[in-house]
Amino acid sequence: MLHDMPPGLLISAPSSGTGKTTVMLGLLRALADDGLKVQPFKSGPDYIDPAFHRAAAGRPSFNLDTWAMPEGLIGGISAEAQGADIVVAEGSMGLFDGVATGGECGFGSSAETAQAMGWPVVLVLDIGGQAQSAAATALGFRAYNPDLPFAGVILNRCASPRHERLARLGMDRAGMNVLGVLPRRGDLALPERHLGLIQAVEHPDLEAAIQGYADFLRENVDLAAIKAAAASRPAPAGQLPKPPAQRIALAQDAAFSFTYPHLVEGWRAHGAEILPFSPLADEAPDATADLVWLPGGYPELHAGTLAAAQGFRAGMHRHAASKPVHGECGGYMALGSALIDKSGTRHEMLGLLGLVTSYEKRKFHLGYRQAVLNAPLPGHAAVARLRGHEFHYSTILEEPDAPLAQVGDADGNPVPETGSHRGHVTGTFFHLISEATS
């Protein structure tokens, strides 16, 4: 069974850092300002961009992931576009970048997402330091996979009218459709920190920034041509994930904010009640909750506040005495015994697990994860095969509890971050995306 999709496009680039997020946010808002219902998506396992997309488009954004998601889940997520006039998806990294070993539906590249959904690619090219030569890059990307629909290019960071003329000459010779030329502007970059962009909720004036991007795009991009280039193909039928419990207390604040949108949307769609609470405000989880879920985020930036939150601590211990608790990445760290911040200060965490982590001794952890559970995790039985993604800079100093899972990277190589479990409490460093189908 298939379902129809609104016409769409995928915004991508040869690499990270070319300005595609600025283009994405400006385009979402410009199209919405034109009266269109715009459905955003993010290709790949990004935790931060969907919140920016939602702010720009006024509709929830969802990840689509050809490595981690079975076809039915991709179909269920894509159905969220029903009722929209146009889809705009943002790629991750470079257009063809993925992993070496295939997953559920592919290798995780943005090109796979675009091809699966029938979305023509808009390639954002940084033409700083080159002119006609940029056309050779564009030509190579178009020719690398001739079956991939290709809408054209947006030339970014153009220095002058002469620079634009030369770049357009090259694109004309290569037969490339130029959809826009963006002048170089240093004030368009979004604030960043060590995990990439800051969270949308932390931006000092996000609405003004997004409107500025939209005005910039409207002045320099052919919106009519972009709308005309949008296309799609019918998507597979499917459904969103079922909830792990009926009443789910979900931590939601600046310390705990990274849960994949399709999970929470699926929980709600299947009738679960989401009960948000803020550990930073010293709120305890709802006493009637069946499950407490601590998402990832930035607990290391708020470790002192969390350590002093006695109401939060007492409520978590009361719940964990008889009912399940799960934490992902930052949530897992908060469930542990202690967290050492980048200055070397030790902060006592909840102590529901023995985990001790440190940001004083930084170590970069990034990549897809495949896991086989040794013990049940809420919503998933022991021996279930899960897919997820890990992205953090913390170092494990102690992890004394029983390993929750056998965990490997995308190629199947074991990783030491197994997660752990004790009593009703479980935790993982990876953010759950889906349960594998085979």
Protein backbone atom coordinates (compact mmCIF):
# COMPACT_ATOMS: atom_id res chain seq x y z
CA MET A 1 0.00 0.00 0.00
CA LEU A 2 1.16 3.52 -0.84
CA HIS A 3 0.02 6.99 0.13
CA ASP A 4 0.35 10.17 -1.92
CA MET A 5 2.82 12.87 -0.90
CA PRO A 6 2.78 16.61 -1.52
CA PRO A 7 5.49 17.79 -3.94
CA GLY A 8 8.83 18.26 -2.22
CA LEU A 9 12.50 19.20 -2.43
CA LEU A 10 15.62 18.25 -0.50
CA ILE A 11 18.14 20.97 0.37
CA SER A 12 21.65 19.54 0.40
CA ALA A 13 25.28 20.51 -0.18
CA PRO A 14 28.69 19.01 -0.94
CA SER A 15 29.63 19.20 2.75
CA SER A 16 28.66 20.64 6.11
CA GLY A 17 29.24 24.34 6.67
CA THR A 18 28.04 25.58 3.30
CA GLY A 19 24.98 27.46 4.57
CA LYS A 20 22.26 24.92 3.86
CA THR A 21 20.61 25.38 7.27
CA THR A 22 20.30 29.13 6.64
CA VAL A 23 18.80 28.39 3.23
CA MET A 24 16.49 25.79 4.74
CA LEU A 25 15.11 28.05 7.47
CA GLY A 26 14.73 31.02 5.15
CA LEU A 27 12.97 28.92 2.54
CA LEU A 28 10.59 27.35 5.06
CA ARG A 29 9.53 30.76 6.36
CA ALA A 30 9.37 32.43 2.93
CA LEU A 31 7.08 29.70 1.59
CA ALA A 32 4.95 29.83 4.72
CA ASP A 33 4.71 33.62 4.38
CA ASP A 34 3.35 33.00 0.87
CA GLY A 35 0.46 31.15 2.45
CA LEU A 36 1.68 27.59 1.85
CA LYS A 37 1.46 24.81 4.42
CA VAL A 38 5.08 23.67 4.48
CA GLN A 39 6.09 20.29 5.92
CA PRO A 40 9.76 20.10 7.00
CA PHE A 41 11.82 16.93 7.32
CA LYS A 42 15.44 16.23 8.26
CA SER A 43 17.41 13.48 6.57
CA GLY A 44 19.59 11.63 9.02
CA PRO A 45 20.01 11.45 12.80
CA ASP A 46 20.10 15.14 13.74
CA TYR A 47 18.74 16.11 17.16
CA ILE A 48 18.75 19.90 16.87
CA ASP A 49 17.60 20.98 13.40
CA PRO A 50 13.96 19.77 13.68
CA ALA A 51 13.23 22.32 16.43
CA PHE A 52 14.54 25.12 14.20
CA HIS A 53 12.43 23.77 11.31
CA ARG A 54 9.31 23.83 13.46
CA ALA A 55 9.95 27.43 14.46
CA ALA A 56 10.36 28.43 10.80
CA ALA A 57 7.50 26.44 9.25
CA GLY A 58 4.94 26.29 12.06
CA ARG A 59 4.66 22.49 11.64
CA PRO A 60 6.55 19.72 13.47
CA SER A 61 9.63 18.45 11.62
CA PHE A 62 10.60 14.78 11.58
CA ASN A 63 13.76 12.80 10.85
CA LEU A 64 13.85 10.30 7.97
CA ASP A 65 16.73 7.85 8.16
CA THR A 66 17.43 5.21 5.51
CA TRP A 67 20.03 3.45 7.68
CA ALA A 68 18.10 3.15 10.92
CA MET A 69 14.46 3.03 9.87
CA PRO A 70 12.51 0.17 8.28
CA GLU A 71 10.38 1.06 5.28
CA GLY A 72 7.15 0.97 7.31
CA LEU A 73 8.47 3.56 9.77
CA ILE A 74 9.63 5.83 6.93
CA GLY A 75 6.14 5.50 5.49
CA GLY A 76 4.49 6.30 8.80
CA ILE A 77 6.66 9.38 9.31
CA SER A 78 6.22 10.63 5.75
CA ALA A 79 2.44 10.46 6.23
CA GLU A 80 2.82 13.43 8.59
CA ALA A 81 3.09 15.54 5.41
CA GLN A 82 -0.54 14.89 4.51
CA GLY A 83 -2.42 18.18 4.34
CA ALA A 84 0.71 20.16 3.46
CA ASP A 85 1.13 22.02 0.16
CA ILE A 86 4.85 21.41 -0.19
CA VAL A 87 7.62 19.44 1.56
CA VAL A 88 11.09 20.86 2.19
CA ALA A 89 13.65 18.44 3.63
CA GLU A 90 17.16 19.25 4.84
CA GLY A 91 20.04 16.89 4.19
CA SER A 92 22.89 16.19 6.59
CA MET A 93 26.62 16.39 5.86
CA GLY A 94 27.29 16.06 2.12
CA LEU A 95 24.65 14.78 -0.29
CA PHE A 96 26.16 11.31 -0.75
CA ASP A 97 27.73 10.89 2.69
CA GLY A 98 26.63 7.78 4.58
CA VAL A 99 28.14 4.75 6.30
CA ALA A 100 30.02 1.79 4.87
CA THR A 101 27.56 -0.95 5.87
CA GLY A 102 23.91 -0.74 4.87
CA GLY A 103 21.12 -0.66 7.44
CA GLU A 104 17.36 -1.09 7.24
CA CYS A 105 16.87 0.64 3.88
CA GLY A 106 20.29 1.91 2.84
CA PHE A 107 23.47 3.61 3.95
CA GLY A 108 21.95 6.72 5.50
CA SER A 109 22.80 9.33 2.86
CA SER A 110 20.62 12.32 2.03
CA ALA A 111 20.68 11.20 -1.60
CA GLU A 112 18.95 7.95 -0.59
CA THR A 113 16.22 9.91 1.19
CA ALA A 114 15.69 12.17 -1.82
CA GLN A 115 15.58 9.25 -4.25
CA ALA A 116 13.23 7.19 -2.07
CA MET A 117 10.78 10.09 -1.73
CA GLY A 118 11.18 11.43 -5.28
CA TRP A 119 12.36 14.84 -4.03
CA PRO A 120 14.56 16.80 -6.46
CA VAL A 121 17.80 18.02 -4.87
CA VAL A 122 18.63 21.70 -4.46
CA LEU A 123 22.41 21.82 -4.03
CA VAL A 124 23.75 24.75 -1.97
CA LEU A 125 27.26 25.57 -3.17
CA ASP A 126 29.71 27.80 -1.31
CA ILE A 127 31.44 29.57 -4.22
CA GLY A 128 33.87 31.50 -2.04
CA GLY A 129 37.36 31.35 -3.57
CA GLN A 130 36.17 30.05 -6.96
CA ALA A 131 33.99 31.07 -9.89
CA GLN A 132 33.51 28.93 -13.02
CA SER A 133 35.10 26.00 -11.19
CA ALA A 134 32.01 25.71 -8.97
CA ALA A 135 30.18 24.34 -12.01
CA ALA A 136 32.51 21.33 -12.10
CA THR A 137 31.50 20.51 -8.52
CA ALA A 138 27.82 20.84 -9.37
CA LEU A 139 28.23 18.76 -12.50
CA GLY A 140 29.96 16.01 -10.57
CA PHE A 141 27.18 15.88 -8.00
CA ARG A 142 24.51 15.69 -10.69
CA ALA A 143 26.38 12.97 -12.61
CA TYR A 144 27.37 10.85 -9.58
CA ASN A 145 23.90 9.28 -9.47
CA PRO A 146 22.02 9.94 -12.73
CA ASP A 147 18.83 8.47 -11.26
CA LEU A 148 18.68 11.10 -8.51
CA PRO A 149 16.28 13.96 -9.39
CA PHE A 150 18.18 17.25 -9.47
CA ALA A 151 16.42 20.64 -9.29
CA GLY A 152 19.43 22.97 -9.52
CA VAL A 153 21.85 24.98 -7.41
CA ILE A 154 21.84 27.93 -5.05
CA LEU A 155 25.18 29.74 -5.10
CA ASN A 156 26.13 30.95 -1.62
CA ARG A 157 28.66 33.53 -0.40
CA CYS A 158 28.98 35.38 -3.66
CA ALA A 159 31.43 38.29 -3.28
CA SER A 160 30.34 40.70 -6.04
CA PRO A 161 28.32 41.11 -9.25
CA ARG A 162 31.43 40.15 -11.23
CA HIS A 163 31.81 37.00 -9.14
CA GLU A 164 28.19 36.13 -9.87
CA ARG A 165 28.62 36.65 -13.63
CA LEU A 166 31.62 34.34 -13.73
CA ALA A 167 29.94 31.66 -11.63
CA ARG A 168 26.82 31.80 -13.80
CA LEU A 169 28.97 31.42 -16.92
CA GLY A 170 30.26 28.14 -15.57
CA MET A 171 26.79 26.95 -14.60
CA ASP A 172 25.43 27.84 -18.04
CA ARG A 173 28.20 25.86 -19.69
CA ALA A 174 27.43 22.86 -17.47
CA GLY A 175 23.69 23.14 -18.11
CA MET A 176 22.97 23.74 -14.41
CA ASN A 177 19.80 25.50 -13.31
CA VAL A 178 20.70 28.39 -10.98
CA LEU A 179 17.84 28.89 -8.53
CA GLY A 180 19.44 31.74 -6.61
CA VAL A 181 22.64 33.58 -5.74
CA LEU A 182 23.21 34.63 -2.12
CA PRO A 183 25.61 37.51 -1.44
CA ARG A 184 28.25 36.99 1.22
CA ARG A 185 26.99 38.08 4.64
CA GLY A 186 28.73 37.41 7.91
CA ASP A 187 25.68 37.96 10.09
CA LEU A 188 23.70 34.95 8.88
CA ALA A 189 25.45 32.20 10.83
CA LEU A 190 23.50 30.55 13.64
CA PRO A 191 25.22 30.41 17.05
CA GLU A 192 27.12 27.19 17.71
CA ARG A 193 28.83 25.27 20.50
CA HIS A 194 30.62 21.94 20.77
CA LEU A 195 27.69 19.75 19.60
CA GLY A 196 26.92 22.05 16.66
CA LEU A 197 24.08 24.56 16.73
CA ILE A 198 22.68 25.76 20.02
CA GLN A 199 19.15 24.57 20.74
CA ALA A 200 16.31 26.55 19.22
CA VAL A 201 14.97 27.40 22.69
CA GLU A 202 18.32 29.01 23.57
CA HIS A 203 18.54 31.34 20.58
CA PRO A 204 18.42 34.94 21.87
CA ASP A 205 16.03 36.11 19.11
CA LEU A 206 15.11 33.15 16.93
CA GLU A 207 12.00 34.69 15.35
CA ALA A 208 13.88 37.76 14.14
CA ALA A 209 16.71 35.60 12.82
CA ILE A 210 14.38 33.33 10.84
CA GLN A 211 12.48 36.28 9.39
CA GLY A 212 15.81 37.79 8.38
CA TYR A 213 16.76 34.59 6.57
CA ALA A 214 13.38 34.56 4.81
CA ASP A 215 13.77 38.16 3.65
CA PHE A 216 17.29 37.36 2.43
CA LEU A 217 16.08 34.31 0.50
CA ARG A 218 13.18 36.21 -1.02
CA GLU A 219 15.53 38.91 -2.33
CA ASN A 220 18.03 36.49 -3.86
CA VAL A 221 16.27 33.24 -4.77
CA ASP A 222 13.66 32.46 -7.41
CA LEU A 223 10.90 31.13 -5.17
CA ALA A 224 8.58 30.49 -8.12
CA ALA A 225 11.23 28.29 -9.76
CA ILE A 226 11.83 26.42 -6.52
CA LYS A 227 8.10 25.73 -6.06
CA ALA A 228 7.84 24.61 -9.69
CA ALA A 229 10.75 22.17 -9.23
CA ALA A 230 9.12 20.33 -6.32
CA ALA A 231 8.03 16.75 -6.96
CA SER A 232 7.49 13.49 -5.09
CA ARG A 233 6.47 9.88 -5.50
CA PRO A 234 3.97 7.87 -3.44
CA ALA A 235 5.38 6.71 -0.12
CA PRO A 236 4.97 3.28 1.50
CA ALA A 237 2.22 2.82 4.04
CA GLY A 238 3.28 2.36 7.63
CA GLN A 239 2.83 3.58 11.16
CA LEU A 240 4.64 5.46 13.88
CA PRO A 241 6.10 3.63 16.91
CA LYS A 242 3.77 2.39 19.63
CA PRO A 243 4.20 3.83 23.12
CA PRO A 244 6.21 2.01 25.81
CA ALA A 245 3.55 2.91 28.42
CA GLN A 246 0.17 4.61 28.70
CA ARG A 247 1.18 7.57 30.88
CA ILE A 248 4.71 8.78 30.16
CA ALA A 249 6.39 11.47 32.26
CA LEU A 250 8.79 13.12 29.81
CA ALA A 251 11.47 15.52 31.05
CA GLN A 252 11.43 18.62 28.87
CA ASP A 253 13.59 21.70 29.49
CA ALA A 254 16.95 23.14 28.46
CA ALA A 255 18.80 20.21 30.06
CA PHE A 256 16.62 17.46 28.53
CA SER A 257 15.37 18.17 25.04
CA PHE A 258 16.59 15.55 22.54
CA THR A 259 13.95 12.95 21.78
CA TYR A 260 13.29 11.98 18.18
CA PRO A 261 10.01 13.69 17.19
CA HIS A 262 8.60 10.59 15.50
CA LEU A 263 8.75 8.68 18.79
CA VAL A 264 6.75 11.19 20.80
CA GLU A 265 4.32 11.74 17.92
CA GLY A 266 3.83 7.98 17.68
CA TRP A 267 3.22 7.68 21.40
CA ARG A 268 0.52 10.34 21.18
CA ALA A 269 -0.99 8.89 17.99
CA HIS A 270 -1.44 5.54 19.72
CA GLY A 271 -3.22 7.12 22.68
CA ALA A 272 -0.46 7.58 25.27
CA GLU A 273 -0.55 10.57 27.58
CA ILE A 274 2.64 12.65 27.65
CA LEU A 275 3.20 14.32 31.02
CA PRO A 276 6.00 16.91 30.64
CA PHE A 277 8.00 18.04 33.66
CA SER A 278 11.11 20.16 34.23
CA PRO A 279 13.95 18.84 36.37
CA LEU A 280 15.61 22.28 36.15
CA ALA A 281 12.52 23.77 37.82
CA ASP A 282 12.85 21.05 40.50
CA GLU A 283 9.66 19.35 39.33
CA ALA A 284 9.04 15.70 40.17
CA PRO A 285 7.52 13.43 37.53
CA ASP A 286 3.77 12.95 37.74
CA ALA A 287 3.10 10.41 40.51
CA THR A 288 0.54 8.61 38.32
CA ALA A 289 2.98 8.07 35.43
CA ASP A 290 3.65 4.51 34.30
CA LEU A 291 7.09 5.42 32.93
CA VAL A 292 9.61 8.25 33.35
CA TRP A 293 11.73 9.07 30.30
CA LEU A 294 14.76 11.38 30.57
CA PRO A 295 15.87 12.44 27.07
CA GLY A 296 19.29 13.60 26.01
CA GLY A 297 20.37 17.22 26.14
CA TYR A 298 22.92 19.28 28.01
CA PRO A 299 22.92 18.22 31.69
CA GLU A 300 26.60 19.19 31.92
CA LEU A 301 25.62 22.85 31.45
CA HIS A 302 23.13 22.63 34.32
CA ALA A 303 24.79 20.07 36.58
CA GLY A 304 24.78 22.28 39.68
CA THR A 305 21.07 23.04 39.33
CA LEU A 306 20.23 19.38 38.80
CA ALA A 307 22.33 18.32 41.80
CA ALA A 308 20.42 20.76 44.01
CA ALA A 309 16.95 19.77 42.72
CA GLN A 310 15.74 17.81 45.75
CA GLY A 311 12.11 17.61 44.66
CA PHE A 312 13.16 16.12 41.34
CA ARG A 313 15.48 13.66 43.09
CA ALA A 314 12.87 12.50 45.59
CA GLY A 315 10.21 12.07 42.90
CA MET A 316 12.53 10.03 40.70
CA HIS A 317 13.49 7.72 43.57
CA ARG A 318 9.84 7.21 44.52
CA HIS A 319 8.97 6.29 40.94
CA ALA A 320 11.98 4.02 40.39
CA ALA A 321 11.14 1.99 43.48
CA SER A 322 8.30 0.28 41.62
CA LYS A 323 8.03 1.55 38.03
CA PRO A 324 10.39 1.88 35.02
CA VAL A 325 12.71 4.80 34.33
CA HIS A 326 14.78 5.21 31.16
CA GLY A 327 17.43 7.76 30.23
CA GLU A 328 19.14 8.48 26.93
CA CYS A 329 22.61 10.07 26.72
CA GLY A 330 22.25 13.19 28.90
CA GLY A 331 19.32 11.54 30.64
CA TYR A 332 21.47 8.48 31.29
CA MET A 333 24.17 10.68 32.79
CA ALA A 334 21.61 12.29 35.10
CA LEU A 335 20.48 8.85 36.28
CA GLY A 336 24.06 8.06 37.27
CA SER A 337 26.00 8.65 40.46
CA ALA A 338 27.93 11.76 39.42
CA LEU A 339 28.80 14.09 36.55
CA ILE A 340 32.10 15.97 36.44
CA ASP A 341 31.88 19.22 34.47
CA LYS A 342 34.56 20.68 32.20
CA SER A 343 36.13 22.60 35.10
CA GLY A 344 36.59 19.37 37.08
CA THR A 345 33.80 20.01 39.59
CA ARG A 346 31.94 16.86 40.64
CA HIS A 347 28.14 17.10 40.83
CA GLU A 348 26.07 14.39 42.48
CA MET A 349 23.36 13.11 40.14
CA LEU A 350 20.32 10.93 40.93
CA GLY A 351 22.27 7.81 41.91
CA LEU A 352 19.71 5.45 40.39
CA LEU A 353 22.59 3.94 38.43
CA GLY A 354 26.30 3.85 39.27
CA LEU A 355 27.46 5.69 36.13
CA VAL A 356 30.07 8.43 36.58
CA THR A 357 30.84 10.63 33.56
CA SER A 358 33.29 13.45 32.99
CA TYR A 359 33.52 16.42 30.66
CA GLU A 360 36.91 17.36 32.09
CA LYS A 361 38.31 14.44 30.12
CA ARG A 362 36.53 14.98 26.80
CA LYS A 363 36.15 12.19 24.28
CA PHE A 364 34.14 12.50 21.07
CA HIS A 365 31.52 9.81 20.46
CA LEU A 366 29.62 10.01 17.17
CA GLY A 367 27.82 7.53 14.98
CA TYR A 368 25.00 5.10 14.41
CA ARG A 369 24.52 2.34 16.94
CA GLN A 370 22.97 -1.11 16.64
CA ALA A 371 22.12 -2.88 19.87
CA VAL A 372 20.86 -6.27 21.03
CA LEU A 373 19.24 -5.92 24.44
CA ASN A 374 20.43 -8.09 27.34
CA ALA A 375 17.46 -6.97 29.42
CA PRO A 376 14.12 -5.31 28.66
CA LEU A 377 14.00 -1.60 27.89
CA PRO A 378 10.58 0.11 28.15
CA GLY A 379 8.66 -0.87 25.02
CA HIS A 380 11.24 -3.44 23.91
CA ALA A 381 11.83 -7.01 25.07
CA ALA A 382 15.19 -8.56 25.91
CA VAL A 383 17.01 -9.69 22.72
CA ALA A 384 15.23 -6.97 20.70
CA ARG A 385 17.48 -5.40 18.05
CA LEU A 386 17.48 -1.61 18.20
CA ARG A 387 18.87 1.14 15.99
CA GLY A 388 20.01 4.49 17.33
CA HIS A 389 22.62 7.23 17.20
CA GLU A 390 25.22 8.49 19.68
CA PHE A 391 26.68 12.02 19.85
CA HIS A 392 28.42 13.38 22.94
CA TYR A 393 31.77 14.40 24.42
CA SER A 394 31.62 12.75 27.82
CA THR A 395 34.02 10.13 29.14
CA ILE A 396 32.88 7.17 31.25
CA LEU A 397 34.83 6.94 34.49
CA GLU A 398 32.65 4.27 36.12
CA GLU A 399 29.83 2.10 34.77
CA PRO A 400 29.42 -0.62 37.42
CA ASP A 401 25.89 -1.86 36.71
CA ALA A 402 24.95 -4.75 34.42
CA PRO A 403 25.31 -3.97 30.70
CA LEU A 404 21.94 -3.25 29.11
CA ALA A 405 22.91 -4.31 25.59
CA GLN A 406 25.58 -5.52 23.21
CA VAL A 407 26.23 -2.37 21.19
CA GLY A 408 28.06 -1.92 17.90
CA ASP A 409 28.64 0.82 15.37
CA ALA A 410 27.10 0.90 11.89
CA ASP A 411 29.63 -1.66 10.64
CA GLY A 412 29.03 -4.02 13.56
CA ASN A 413 32.24 -3.21 15.46
CA PRO A 414 31.62 -3.40 19.23
CA VAL A 415 31.65 -0.15 21.20
CA PRO A 416 32.17 0.04 24.97
CA GLU A 417 29.12 2.25 25.65
CA THR A 418 26.73 -0.62 26.43
CA GLY A 419 24.32 1.26 28.66
CA SER A 420 23.34 -0.33 31.95
CA HIS A 421 20.40 -1.40 34.09
CA ARG A 422 19.60 -1.78 37.76
CA GLY A 423 16.19 -2.66 39.14
CA HIS A 424 13.54 -0.73 37.20
CA VAL A 425 16.12 1.73 35.76
CA THR A 426 17.74 1.56 32.32
CA GLY A 427 20.00 3.91 30.41
CA THR A 428 21.78 4.14 27.06
CA PHE A 429 24.23 6.54 25.47
CA PHE A 430 22.50 6.11 22.12
CA HIS A 431 19.27 7.87 21.24
CA LEU A 432 16.68 5.32 20.15
CA ILE A 433 15.44 5.61 16.55
CA SER A 434 13.69 2.30 15.86
CA GLU A 435 13.50 -1.41 16.51
CA ALA A 436 15.01 -3.44 13.68
CA THR A 437 12.65 -5.59 11.65
CA SER A 438 15.02 -8.47 10.93
